[in-house]
Every structure is written in structure tokens, then in C-alpha cells.
Amino acid sequence: MKRIIYRLVGTFAILLTLFSCAPEEIVRLDQSGVPKISEMQITITSTAGVVTFHLENEGCVPIWIFPKITSTKNDYQSNYKAGTYTVEVKAYNRNGVSDGSVVKEFVVE
């Protein structure tokens, strides 16, 4: 009886060893995949004092830099009084942060 149990445990251990672990695929960073600020498509819309900031580029996360706060949320919204304002925009993805930034001016009526 002990031999059967030992054989079952041994067989199970061998099967577990063979099928439990698979080598992880290593994803390497690609310098050519870093977002280029010249390719960023930025949309800023204003409706009744509510301004929405949107980055159109797939696979990129925006970095909205305002005078007092910073946000990485796409479709970021904020309330503004009438006037002219600016926002600095950078972007990042799994390969790194954009090669520069762009300053966008927007008007709230």
C-alpha cells in the first residue's frame, strides 16, 4: 500500500514540475517606441466652463501639467472661469516618457 502511495506522489510531483512553470517572456524596452510629442493629438474642449482634456494617441498616457496640479487622467475635466489659460502636456507609455512637452493655450468663454 505504501508503494502505491509513494508512486502516486512521485508521479504527481513529476507532473507538477513539468507543467507548473513556464518561462516568462521578457519584454524589452524599445527606445524607438517612446512617444514623440510631435505626433501627439491633443483635444481640448470647453462647454459652460467645464474644460475636457483628451489625448487621442492609443497606448499613451497623458501628463497634464497645470500651474498648481498635475494629472495623468485621460479625459481630465476641470472648471474654469472665462479667460485664456495654458496647459503643458507630456505623454508616456511602457517605453518611457515623451521626448519633450508641448504647451497648449485654450480659451474659456
PDB file of N, CA and C in Angstrom:
ATOM      1  N   MET A   1       0.820  -1.183   0.000  1.00  0.00           N
ATOM      2  CA  MET A   1       0.000   0.000   0.000  1.00  0.00           C
ATOM      3  C   MET A   1       0.873   1.259   0.000  1.00  0.00           C
ATOM      4  N   LYS A   2       1.969   1.226   0.787  1.00  0.00           N
ATOM      5  CA  LYS A   2       2.857   2.375   0.843  1.00  0.00           C
ATOM      6  C   LYS A   2       3.502   2.628  -0.512  1.00  0.00           C
ATOM      7  N   ARG A   3       3.832   1.565  -1.238  1.00  0.00           N
ATOM      8  CA  ARG A   3       4.460   1.724  -2.543  1.00  0.00           C
ATOM      9  C   ARG A   3       3.523   2.436  -3.521  1.00  0.00           C
ATOM     10  N   ILE A   4       2.273   2.114  -3.487  1.00  0.00           N
ATOM     11  CA  ILE A   4       1.303   2.746  -4.377  1.00  0.00           C
ATOM     12  C   ILE A   4       1.206   4.236  -4.062  1.00  0.00           C
ATOM     13  N   ILE A   5       1.158   4.552  -2.786  1.00  0.00           N
ATOM     14  CA  ILE A   5       1.066   5.960  -2.380  1.00  0.00           C
ATOM     15  C   ILE A   5       2.330   6.702  -2.802  1.00  0.00           C
ATOM     16  N   TYR A   6       3.503   6.107  -2.582  1.00  0.00           N
ATOM     17  CA  TYR A   6       4.757   6.741  -2.978  1.00  0.00           C
ATOM     18  C   TYR A   6       4.811   6.946  -4.494  1.00  0.00           C
ATOM     19  N   ARG A   7       4.351   5.960  -5.249  1.00  0.00           N
ATOM     20  CA  ARG A   7       4.352   6.092  -6.709  1.00  0.00           C
ATOM     21  C   ARG A   7       3.398   7.196  -7.162  1.00  0.00           C
ATOM     22  N   LEU A   8       2.228   7.277  -6.563  1.00  0.00           N
ATOM     23  CA  LEU A   8       1.272   8.323  -6.910  1.00  0.00           C
ATOM     24  C   LEU A   8       1.832   9.706  -6.572  1.00  0.00           C
ATOM     25  N   VAL A   9       2.425   9.840  -5.403  1.00  0.00           N
ATOM     26  CA  VAL A   9       3.007  11.117  -5.006  1.00  0.00           C
ATOM     27  C   VAL A   9       4.169  11.472  -5.933  1.00  0.00           C
ATOM     28  N   GLY A  10       5.003  10.516  -6.263  1.00  0.00           N
ATOM     29  CA  GLY A  10       6.126  10.751  -7.176  1.00  0.00           C
ATOM     30  C   GLY A  10       5.648  11.157  -8.556  1.00  0.00           C
ATOM     31  N   THR A  11       4.643  10.454  -9.073  1.00  0.00           N
ATOM     32  CA  THR A  11       4.088  10.780 -10.382  1.00  0.00           C
ATOM     33  C   THR A  11       3.494  12.191 -10.364  1.00  0.00           C
ATOM     34  N   PHE A  12       2.764  12.493  -9.313  1.00  0.00           N
ATOM     35  CA  PHE A  12       2.170  13.828  -9.184  1.00  0.00           C
ATOM     36  C   PHE A  12       3.254  14.903  -9.118  1.00  0.00           C
ATOM     37  N   ALA A  13       4.316  14.663  -8.390  1.00  0.00           N
ATOM     38  CA  ALA A  13       5.417  15.629  -8.275  1.00  0.00           C
ATOM     39  C   ALA A  13       6.078  15.859  -9.628  1.00  0.00           C
ATOM     40  N   ILE A  14       6.289  14.783 -10.391  1.00  0.00           N
ATOM     41  CA  ILE A  14       6.896  14.920 -11.720  1.00  0.00           C
ATOM     42  C   ILE A  14       5.981  15.714 -12.645  1.00  0.00           C
ATOM     43  N   LEU A  15       4.693  15.405 -12.642  1.00  0.00           N
ATOM     44  CA  LEU A  15       3.740  16.130 -13.487  1.00  0.00           C
ATOM     45  C   LEU A  15       3.653  17.599 -13.076  1.00  0.00           C
ATOM     46  N   LEU A  16       3.653  17.841 -11.793  1.00  0.00           N
ATOM     47  CA  LEU A  16       3.596  19.211 -11.296  1.00  0.00           C
ATOM     48  C   LEU A  16       4.834  19.990 -11.729  1.00  0.00           C
ATOM     49  N   THR A  17       5.982  19.370 -11.676  1.00  0.00           N
ATOM     50  CA  THR A  17       7.227  20.011 -12.085  1.00  0.00           C
ATOM     51  C   THR A  17       7.226  20.306 -13.586  1.00  0.00           C
ATOM     52  N   LEU A  18       6.724  19.399 -14.379  1.00  0.00           N
ATOM     53  CA  LEU A  18       6.739  19.580 -15.831  1.00  0.00           C
ATOM     54  C   LEU A  18       5.770  20.649 -16.313  1.00  0.00           C
ATOM     55  N   PHE A  19       4.611  20.740 -15.681  1.00  0.00           N
ATOM     56  CA  PHE A  19       3.556  21.597 -16.213  1.00  0.00           C
ATOM     57  C   PHE A  19       3.246  22.836 -15.379  1.00  0.00           C
ATOM     58  N   SER A  20       3.893  23.027 -14.260  1.00  0.00           N
ATOM     59  CA  SER A  20       3.516  24.150 -13.403  1.00  0.00           C
ATOM     60  C   SER A  20       4.175  25.458 -13.801  1.00  0.00           C
ATOM     61  N   CYS A  21       5.378  25.438 -14.279  1.00  0.00           N
ATOM     62  CA  CYS A  21       6.093  26.685 -14.558  1.00  0.00           C
ATOM     63  C   CYS A  21       6.446  26.787 -16.036  1.00  0.00           C
ATOM     64  N   ALA A  22       6.211  27.951 -16.550  1.00  0.00           N
ATOM     65  CA  ALA A  22       6.623  28.248 -17.920  1.00  0.00           C
ATOM     66  C   ALA A  22       7.530  29.461 -17.853  1.00  0.00           C
ATOM     67  N   PRO A  23       8.544  29.523 -18.666  1.00  0.00           N
ATOM     68  CA  PRO A  23       9.427  30.683 -18.608  1.00  0.00           C
ATOM     69  C   PRO A  23       8.678  31.953 -18.984  1.00  0.00           C
ATOM     70  N   GLU A  24       8.949  33.024 -18.251  1.00  0.00           N
ATOM     71  CA  GLU A  24       8.296  34.293 -18.540  1.00  0.00           C
ATOM     72  C   GLU A  24       8.921  34.916 -19.777  1.00  0.00           C
ATOM     73  N   GLU A  25       8.069  35.528 -20.560  1.00  0.00           N
ATOM     74  CA  GLU A  25       8.562  36.231 -21.730  1.00  0.00           C
ATOM     75  C   GLU A  25       9.057  37.600 -21.281  1.00  0.00           C
ATOM     76  N   ILE A  26      10.269  37.921 -21.598  1.00  0.00           N
ATOM     77  CA  ILE A  26      10.848  39.191 -21.195  1.00  0.00           C
ATOM     78  C   ILE A  26      10.525  40.225 -22.262  1.00  0.00           C
ATOM     79  N   VAL A  27       9.876  41.293 -21.829  1.00  0.00           N
ATOM     80  CA  VAL A  27       9.523  42.371 -22.738  1.00  0.00           C
ATOM     81  C   VAL A  27      10.588  43.448 -22.588  1.00  0.00           C
ATOM     82  N   ARG A  28      11.274  43.713 -23.641  1.00  0.00           N
ATOM     83  CA  ARG A  28      12.350  44.703 -23.618  1.00  0.00           C
ATOM     84  C   ARG A  28      11.803  46.080 -23.999  1.00  0.00           C
ATOM     85  N   LEU A  29      12.375  47.100 -23.392  1.00  0.00           N
ATOM     86  CA  LEU A  29      12.002  48.462 -23.741  1.00  0.00           C
ATOM     87  C   LEU A  29      12.569  48.801 -25.110  1.00  0.00           C
ATOM     88  N   ASP A  30      11.813  49.574 -25.846  1.00  0.00           N
ATOM     89  CA  ASP A  30      12.207  49.947 -27.205  1.00  0.00           C
ATOM     90  C   ASP A  30      12.307  51.467 -27.280  1.00  0.00           C
ATOM     91  N   GLN A  31      13.536  51.985 -27.383  1.00  0.00           N
ATOM     92  CA  GLN A  31      13.736  53.430 -27.436  1.00  0.00           C
ATOM     93  C   GLN A  31      12.971  54.080 -28.583  1.00  0.00           C
ATOM     94  N   SER A  32      12.800  53.381 -29.682  1.00  0.00           N
ATOM     95  CA  SER A  32      12.066  53.965 -30.801  1.00  0.00           C
ATOM     96  C   SER A  32      10.563  54.012 -30.514  1.00  0.00           C
ATOM     97  N   GLY A  33      10.113  53.334 -29.455  1.00  0.00           N
ATOM     98  CA  GLY A  33       8.700  53.330 -29.096  1.00  0.00           C
ATOM     99  C   GLY A  33       8.314  54.406 -28.103  1.00  0.00           C
ATOM    100  N   VAL A  34       9.275  55.231 -27.664  1.00  0.00           N
ATOM    101  CA  VAL A  34       8.966  56.330 -26.749  1.00  0.00           C
ATOM    102  C   VAL A  34       8.079  57.328 -27.481  1.00  0.00           C
ATOM    103  N   PRO A  35       7.013  57.827 -26.839  1.00  0.00           N
ATOM    104  CA  PRO A  35       6.119  58.773 -27.516  1.00  0.00           C
ATOM    105  C   PRO A  35       6.862  60.017 -27.999  1.00  0.00           C
ATOM    106  N   LYS A  36       6.535  60.454 -29.194  1.00  0.00           N
ATOM    107  CA  LYS A  36       7.107  61.680 -29.754  1.00  0.00           C
ATOM    108  C   LYS A  36       6.054  62.774 -29.633  1.00  0.00           C
ATOM    109  N   ILE A  37       6.437  63.854 -29.009  1.00  0.00           N
ATOM    110  CA  ILE A  37       5.477  64.922 -28.753  1.00  0.00           C
ATOM    111  C   ILE A  37       4.943  65.512 -30.052  1.00  0.00           C
ATOM    112  N   SER A  38       5.728  65.433 -31.122  1.00  0.00           N
ATOM    113  CA  SER A  38       5.271  65.954 -32.418  1.00  0.00           C
ATOM    114  C   SER A  38       4.133  65.118 -32.996  1.00  0.00           C
ATOM    115  N   GLU A  39       3.958  63.896 -32.506  1.00  0.00           N
ATOM    116  CA  GLU A  39       2.892  63.019 -33.001  1.00  0.00           C
ATOM    117  C   GLU A  39       1.660  63.004 -32.090  1.00  0.00           C
ATOM    118  N   MET A  40       1.698  63.767 -31.000  1.00  0.00           N
ATOM    119  CA  MET A  40       0.578  63.772 -30.067  1.00  0.00           C
ATOM    120  C   MET A  40      -0.613  64.520 -30.645  1.00  0.00           C
ATOM    121  N   GLN A  41      -1.777  63.933 -30.490  1.00  0.00           N
ATOM    122  CA  GLN A  41      -3.021  64.551 -30.942  1.00  0.00           C
ATOM    123  C   GLN A  41      -3.827  64.903 -29.700  1.00  0.00           C
ATOM    124  N   ILE A  42      -3.862  66.182 -29.392  1.00  0.00           N
ATOM    125  CA  ILE A  42      -4.473  66.669 -28.158  1.00  0.00           C
ATOM    126  C   ILE A  42      -5.740  67.433 -28.496  1.00  0.00           C
ATOM    127  N   THR A  43      -6.820  67.119 -27.763  1.00  0.00           N
ATOM    128  CA  THR A  43      -8.093  67.803 -27.944  1.00  0.00           C
ATOM    129  C   THR A  43      -8.479  68.465 -26.631  1.00  0.00           C
ATOM    130  N   ILE A  44      -8.783  69.752 -26.691  1.00  0.00           N
ATOM    131  CA  ILE A  44      -9.255  70.485 -25.520  1.00  0.00           C
ATOM    132  C   ILE A  44     -10.586  71.103 -25.892  1.00  0.00           C
ATOM    133  N   THR A  45     -11.636  70.719 -25.150  1.00  0.00           N
ATOM    134  CA  THR A  45     -12.975  71.255 -25.428  1.00  0.00           C
ATOM    135  C   THR A  45     -13.516  71.944 -24.186  1.00  0.00           C
ATOM    136  N   SER A  46     -14.301  72.994 -24.409  1.00  0.00           N
ATOM    137  CA  SER A  46     -14.874  73.760 -23.310  1.00  0.00           C
ATOM    138  C   SER A  46     -16.377  73.882 -23.510  1.00  0.00           C
ATOM    139  N   THR A  47     -17.140  73.527 -22.475  1.00  0.00           N
ATOM    140  CA  THR A  47     -18.590  73.649 -22.506  1.00  0.00           C
ATOM    141  C   THR A  47     -19.054  74.189 -21.159  1.00  0.00           C
ATOM    142  N   ALA A  48     -19.602  75.394 -21.173  1.00  0.00           N
ATOM    143  CA  ALA A  48     -20.144  76.030 -19.974  1.00  0.00           C
ATOM    144  C   ALA A  48     -19.133  76.057 -18.826  1.00  0.00           C
ATOM    145  N   GLY A  49     -17.889  76.377 -19.133  1.00  0.00           N
ATOM    146  CA  GLY A  49     -16.875  76.493 -18.096  1.00  0.00           C
ATOM    147  C   GLY A  49     -16.198  75.196 -17.697  1.00  0.00           C
ATOM    148  N   VAL A  50     -16.696  74.073 -18.210  1.00  0.00           N
ATOM    149  CA  VAL A  50     -16.070  72.773 -17.932  1.00  0.00           C
ATOM    150  C   VAL A  50     -15.166  72.436 -19.118  1.00  0.00           C
ATOM    151  N   VAL A  51     -13.876  72.294 -18.832  1.00  0.00           N
ATOM    152  CA  VAL A  51     -12.904  72.024 -19.888  1.00  0.00           C
ATOM    153  C   VAL A  51     -12.469  70.567 -19.795  1.00  0.00           C
ATOM    154  N   THR A  52     -12.481  69.878 -20.945  1.00  0.00           N
ATOM    155  CA  THR A  52     -12.073  68.475 -21.024  1.00  0.00           C
ATOM    156  C   THR A  52     -10.795  68.379 -21.835  1.00  0.00           C
ATOM    157  N   PHE A  53      -9.806  67.683 -21.278  1.00  0.00           N
ATOM    158  CA  PHE A  53      -8.503  67.500 -21.915  1.00  0.00           C
ATOM    159  C   PHE A  53      -8.393  66.041 -22.326  1.00  0.00           C
ATOM    160  N   HIS A  54      -8.110  65.803 -23.610  1.00  0.00           N
ATOM    161  CA  HIS A  54      -8.083  64.429 -24.116  1.00  0.00           C
ATOM    162  C   HIS A  54      -6.864  64.218 -25.012  1.00  0.00           C
ATOM    163  N   LEU A  55      -6.170  63.097 -24.798  1.00  0.00           N
ATOM    164  CA  LEU A  55      -5.060  62.684 -25.650  1.00  0.00           C
ATOM    165  C   LEU A  55      -5.562  61.558 -26.533  1.00  0.00           C
ATOM    166  N   GLU A  56      -5.489  61.740 -27.849  1.00  0.00           N
ATOM    167  CA  GLU A  56      -6.045  60.797 -28.813  1.00  0.00           C
ATOM    168  C   GLU A  56      -5.181  59.556 -29.044  1.00  0.00           C
ATOM    169  N   ASN A  57      -3.892  59.609 -28.748  1.00  0.00           N
ATOM    170  CA  ASN A  57      -2.960  58.546 -29.105  1.00  0.00           C
ATOM    171  C   ASN A  57      -3.189  57.280 -28.274  1.00  0.00           C
ATOM    172  N   GLU A  58      -3.425  56.154 -28.961  1.00  0.00           N
ATOM    173  CA  GLU A  58      -3.618  54.855 -28.311  1.00  0.00           C
ATOM    174  C   GLU A  58      -2.321  54.405 -27.644  1.00  0.00           C
ATOM    175  N   GLY A  59      -2.430  53.799 -26.492  1.00  0.00           N
ATOM    176  CA  GLY A  59      -1.263  53.242 -25.817  1.00  0.00           C
ATOM    177  C   GLY A  59      -0.423  54.257 -25.075  1.00  0.00           C
ATOM    178  N   CYS A  60      -0.839  55.513 -25.070  1.00  0.00           N
ATOM    179  CA  CYS A  60      -0.104  56.560 -24.359  1.00  0.00           C
ATOM    180  C   CYS A  60      -0.961  57.121 -23.229  1.00  0.00           C
ATOM    181  N   VAL A  61      -0.295  57.486 -22.153  1.00  0.00           N
ATOM    182  CA  VAL A  61      -0.962  58.111 -21.009  1.00  0.00           C
ATOM    183  C   VAL A  61      -0.519  59.572 -20.974  1.00  0.00           C
ATOM    184  N   PRO A  62      -1.481  60.506 -20.882  1.00  0.00           N
ATOM    185  CA  PRO A  62      -1.092  61.917 -20.865  1.00  0.00           C
ATOM    186  C   PRO A  62      -0.578  62.342 -19.498  1.00  0.00           C
ATOM    187  N   ILE A  63       0.258  63.359 -19.504  1.00  0.00           N
ATOM    188  CA  ILE A  63       0.665  64.030 -18.277  1.00  0.00           C
ATOM    189  C   ILE A  63       0.278  65.491 -18.472  1.00  0.00           C
ATOM    190  N   TRP A  64      -0.827  65.895 -17.836  1.00  0.00           N
ATOM    191  CA  TRP A  64      -1.318  67.273 -17.941  1.00  0.00           C
ATOM    192  C   TRP A  64      -0.664  68.061 -16.814  1.00  0.00           C
ATOM    193  N   ILE A  65       0.058  69.116 -17.157  1.00  0.00           N
ATOM    194  CA  ILE A  65       0.760  69.909 -16.149  1.00  0.00           C
ATOM    195  C   ILE A  65       0.130  71.301 -16.110  1.00  0.00           C
ATOM    196  N   PHE A  66      -0.574  71.566 -15.011  1.00  0.00           N
ATOM    197  CA  PHE A  66      -1.230  72.845 -14.795  1.00  0.00           C
ATOM    198  C   PHE A  66      -0.401  73.631 -13.772  1.00  0.00           C
ATOM    199  N   PRO A  67      -0.692  74.931 -13.597  1.00  0.00           N
ATOM    200  CA  PRO A  67       0.107  75.715 -12.647  1.00  0.00           C
ATOM    201  C   PRO A  67       0.166  75.135 -11.225  1.00  0.00           C
ATOM    202  N   LYS A  68      -0.919  74.552 -10.723  1.00  0.00           N
ATOM    203  CA  LYS A  68      -0.911  74.065  -9.340  1.00  0.00           C
ATOM    204  C   LYS A  68      -1.066  72.555  -9.194  1.00  0.00           C
ATOM    205  N   ILE A  69      -1.441  71.860 -10.256  1.00  0.00           N
ATOM    206  CA  ILE A  69      -1.643  70.411 -10.163  1.00  0.00           C
ATOM    207  C   ILE A  69      -1.127  69.716 -11.418  1.00  0.00           C
ATOM    208  N   THR A  70      -0.997  68.400 -11.307  1.00  0.00           N
ATOM    209  CA  THR A  70      -0.625  67.541 -12.435  1.00  0.00           C
ATOM    210  C   THR A  70      -1.594  66.368 -12.441  1.00  0.00           C
ATOM    211  N   SER A  71      -1.982  65.922 -13.635  1.00  0.00           N
ATOM    212  CA  SER A  71      -2.895  64.787 -13.748  1.00  0.00           C
ATOM    213  C   SER A  71      -2.444  63.865 -14.872  1.00  0.00           C
ATOM    214  N   THR A  72      -2.667  62.563 -14.681  1.00  0.00           N
ATOM    215  CA  THR A  72      -2.376  61.588 -15.734  1.00  0.00           C
ATOM    216  C   THR A  72      -3.658  60.933 -16.229  1.00  0.00           C
ATOM    217  N   LYS A  73      -4.782  61.557 -15.968  1.00  0.00           N
ATOM    218  CA  LYS A  73      -6.076  61.001 -16.384  1.00  0.00           C
ATOM    219  C   LYS A  73      -6.436  61.506 -17.773  1.00  0.00           C
ATOM    220  N   ASN A  74      -6.746  60.574 -18.669  1.00  0.00           N
ATOM    221  CA  ASN A  74      -7.243  60.992 -19.975  1.00  0.00           C
ATOM    222  C   ASN A  74      -8.692  61.406 -19.790  1.00  0.00           C
ATOM    223  N   ASP A  75      -9.159  62.338 -20.591  1.00  0.00           N
ATOM    224  CA  ASP A  75     -10.482  62.937 -20.435  1.00  0.00           C
ATOM    225  C   ASP A  75     -10.595  63.641 -19.079  1.00  0.00           C
ATOM    226  N   TYR A  76      -9.514  64.270 -18.672  1.00  0.00           N
ATOM    227  CA  TYR A  76      -9.491  65.043 -17.428  1.00  0.00           C
ATOM    228  C   TYR A  76     -10.388  66.252 -17.595  1.00  0.00           C
ATOM    229  N   GLN A  77     -11.203  66.549 -16.581  1.00  0.00           N
ATOM    230  CA  GLN A  77     -12.107  67.693 -16.630  1.00  0.00           C
ATOM    231  C   GLN A  77     -11.844  68.622 -15.450  1.00  0.00           C
ATOM    232  N   SER A  78     -11.999  69.911 -15.717  1.00  0.00           N
ATOM    233  CA  SER A  78     -11.827  70.909 -14.667  1.00  0.00           C
ATOM    234  C   SER A  78     -12.695  72.119 -14.990  1.00  0.00           C
ATOM    235  N   ASN A  79     -13.114  72.840 -13.963  1.00  0.00           N
ATOM    236  CA  ASN A  79     -13.939  74.038 -14.131  1.00  0.00           C
ATOM    237  C   ASN A  79     -13.051  75.266 -14.218  1.00  0.00           C
ATOM    238  N   TYR A  80     -13.370  76.169 -15.147  1.00  0.00           N
ATOM    239  CA  TYR A  80     -12.620  77.401 -15.337  1.00  0.00           C
ATOM    240  C   TYR A  80     -13.572  78.567 -15.484  1.00  0.00           C
ATOM    241  N   LYS A  81     -13.121  79.733 -15.030  1.00  0.00           N
ATOM    242  CA  LYS A  81     -13.836  80.976 -15.302  1.00  0.00           C
ATOM    243  C   LYS A  81     -13.407  81.445 -16.690  1.00  0.00           C
ATOM    244  N   ALA A  82     -14.135  82.396 -17.236  1.00  0.00           N
ATOM    245  CA  ALA A  82     -13.799  82.920 -18.559  1.00  0.00           C
ATOM    246  C   ALA A  82     -12.382  83.471 -18.563  1.00  0.00           C
ATOM    247  N   GLY A  83     -11.650  83.167 -19.635  1.00  0.00           N
ATOM    248  CA  GLY A  83     -10.285  83.653 -19.760  1.00  0.00           C
ATOM    249  C   GLY A  83      -9.459  82.767 -20.666  1.00  0.00           C
ATOM    250  N   THR A  84      -8.176  83.090 -20.758  1.00  0.00           N
ATOM    251  CA  THR A  84      -7.239  82.325 -21.571  1.00  0.00           C
ATOM    252  C   THR A  84      -6.267  81.623 -20.634  1.00  0.00           C
ATOM    253  N   TYR A  85      -6.058  80.342 -20.859  1.00  0.00           N
ATOM    254  CA  TYR A  85      -5.222  79.521 -19.988  1.00  0.00           C
ATOM    255  C   TYR A  85      -4.259  78.681 -20.819  1.00  0.00           C
ATOM    256  N   THR A  86      -3.273  78.099 -20.145  1.00  0.00           N
ATOM    257  CA  THR A  86      -2.338  77.199 -20.816  1.00  0.00           C
ATOM    258  C   THR A  86      -2.193  75.912 -20.009  1.00  0.00           C
ATOM    259  N   VAL A  87      -1.844  74.845 -20.715  1.00  0.00           N
ATOM    260  CA  VAL A  87      -1.541  73.563 -20.088  1.00  0.00           C
ATOM    261  C   VAL A  87      -0.328  72.980 -20.811  1.00  0.00           C
ATOM    262  N   GLU A  88       0.579  72.408 -20.056  1.00  0.00           N
ATOM    263  CA  GLU A  88       1.728  71.723 -20.649  1.00  0.00           C
ATOM    264  C   GLU A  88       1.388  70.238 -20.705  1.00  0.00           C
ATOM    265  N   VAL A  89       1.722  69.585 -21.805  1.00  0.00           N
ATOM    266  CA  VAL A  89       1.370  68.180 -21.996  1.00  0.00           C
ATOM    267  C   VAL A  89       2.613  67.366 -22.333  1.00  0.00           C
ATOM    268  N   LYS A  90       2.771  66.261 -21.609  1.00  0.00           N
ATOM    269  CA  LYS A  90       3.755  65.231 -21.931  1.00  0.00           C
ATOM    270  C   LYS A  90       2.973  63.933 -22.043  1.00  0.00           C
ATOM    271  N   ALA A  91       3.619  62.864 -22.489  1.00  0.00           N
ATOM    272  CA  ALA A  91       2.951  61.562 -22.576  1.00  0.00           C
ATOM    273  C   ALA A  91       3.965  60.473 -22.262  1.00  0.00           C
ATOM    274  N   TYR A  92       3.442  59.330 -21.801  1.00  0.00           N
ATOM    275  CA  TYR A  92       4.320  58.189 -21.579  1.00  0.00           C
ATOM    276  C   TYR A  92       3.616  56.902 -21.953  1.00  0.00           C
ATOM    277  N   ASN A  93       4.425  55.884 -22.227  1.00  0.00           N
ATOM    278  CA  ASN A  93       3.935  54.528 -22.449  1.00  0.00           C
ATOM    279  C   ASN A  93       4.934  53.572 -21.810  1.00  0.00           C
ATOM    280  N   ARG A  94       4.855  52.300 -22.107  1.00  0.00           N
ATOM    281  CA  ARG A  94       5.722  51.323 -21.457  1.00  0.00           C
ATOM    282  C   ARG A  94       7.195  51.501 -21.805  1.00  0.00           C
ATOM    283  N   ASN A  95       7.488  52.282 -22.841  1.00  0.00           N
ATOM    284  CA  ASN A  95       8.869  52.508 -23.260  1.00  0.00           C
ATOM    285  C   ASN A  95       9.498  53.752 -22.644  1.00  0.00           C
ATOM    286  N   GLY A  96       8.697  54.632 -22.068  1.00  0.00           N
ATOM    287  CA  GLY A  96       9.243  55.823 -21.425  1.00  0.00           C
ATOM    288  C   GLY A  96       8.392  57.056 -21.629  1.00  0.00           C
ATOM    289  N   VAL A  97       8.953  58.193 -21.209  1.00  0.00           N
ATOM    290  CA  VAL A  97       8.264  59.483 -21.275  1.00  0.00           C
ATOM    291  C   VAL A  97       8.646  60.179 -22.583  1.00  0.00           C
ATOM    292  N   SER A  98       7.712  60.972 -23.093  1.00  0.00           N
ATOM    293  CA  SER A  98       7.907  61.665 -24.371  1.00  0.00           C
ATOM    294  C   SER A  98       9.208  62.465 -24.398  1.00  0.00           C
ATOM    295  N   ASP A  99       9.656  62.710 -25.606  1.00  0.00           N
ATOM    296  CA  ASP A  99      10.927  63.390 -25.824  1.00  0.00           C
ATOM    297  C   ASP A  99      10.871  64.882 -25.507  1.00  0.00           C
ATOM    298  N   GLY A 100       9.760  65.391 -25.137  1.00  0.00           N
ATOM    299  CA  GLY A 100       9.609  66.810 -24.820  1.00  0.00           C
ATOM    300  C   GLY A 100       8.202  67.069 -24.331  1.00  0.00           C
ATOM    301  N   SER A 101       7.788  68.302 -24.375  1.00  0.00           N
ATOM    302  CA  SER A 101       6.423  68.646 -23.998  1.00  0.00           C
ATOM    303  C   SER A 101       5.922  69.715 -24.949  1.00  0.00           C
ATOM    304  N   VAL A 102       4.637  69.919 -24.913  1.00  0.00           N
ATOM    305  CA  VAL A 102       4.020  70.961 -25.731  1.00  0.00           C
ATOM    306  C   VAL A 102       3.112  71.775 -24.811  1.00  0.00           C
ATOM    307  N   VAL A 103       3.085  73.072 -25.029  1.00  0.00           N
ATOM    308  CA  VAL A 103       2.217  73.953 -24.254  1.00  0.00           C
ATOM    309  C   VAL A 103       1.041  74.325 -25.146  1.00  0.00           C
ATOM    310  N   LYS A 104      -0.157  74.031 -24.649  1.00  0.00           N
ATOM    311  CA  LYS A 104      -1.384  74.338 -25.395  1.00  0.00           C
ATOM    312  C   LYS A 104      -2.111  75.481 -24.689  1.00  0.00           C
ATOM    313  N   GLU A 105      -2.608  76.402 -25.477  1.00  0.00           N
ATOM    314  CA  GLU A 105      -3.402  77.504 -24.958  1.00  0.00           C
ATOM    315  C   GLU A 105      -4.869  77.219 -25.264  1.00  0.00           C
ATOM    316  N   PHE A 106      -5.744  77.513 -24.301  1.00  0.00           N
ATOM    317  CA  PHE A 106      -7.167  77.311 -24.539  1.00  0.00           C
ATOM    318  C   PHE A 106      -7.938  78.485 -23.946  1.00  0.00           C
ATOM    319  N   VAL A 107      -9.099  78.768 -24.546  1.00  0.00           N
ATOM    320  CA  VAL A 107      -9.924  79.900 -24.148  1.00  0.00           C
ATOM    321  C   VAL A 107     -11.234  79.382 -23.616  1.00  0.00           C
ATOM    322  N   VAL A 108     -11.637  79.937 -22.477  1.00  0.00           N
ATOM    323  CA  VAL A 108     -12.941  79.623 -21.884  1.00  0.00           C
ATOM    324  C   VAL A 108     -13.776  80.893 -21.979  1.00  0.00           C
ATOM    325  N   GLU A 109     -14.953  80.782 -22.585  1.00  0.00           N
ATOM    326  CA  GLU A 109     -15.828  81.956 -22.759  1.00  0.00           C
ATOM    327  C   GLU A 109     -16.902  82.010 -21.713  1.00  0.00           C
TER     328      GLU A 109
END
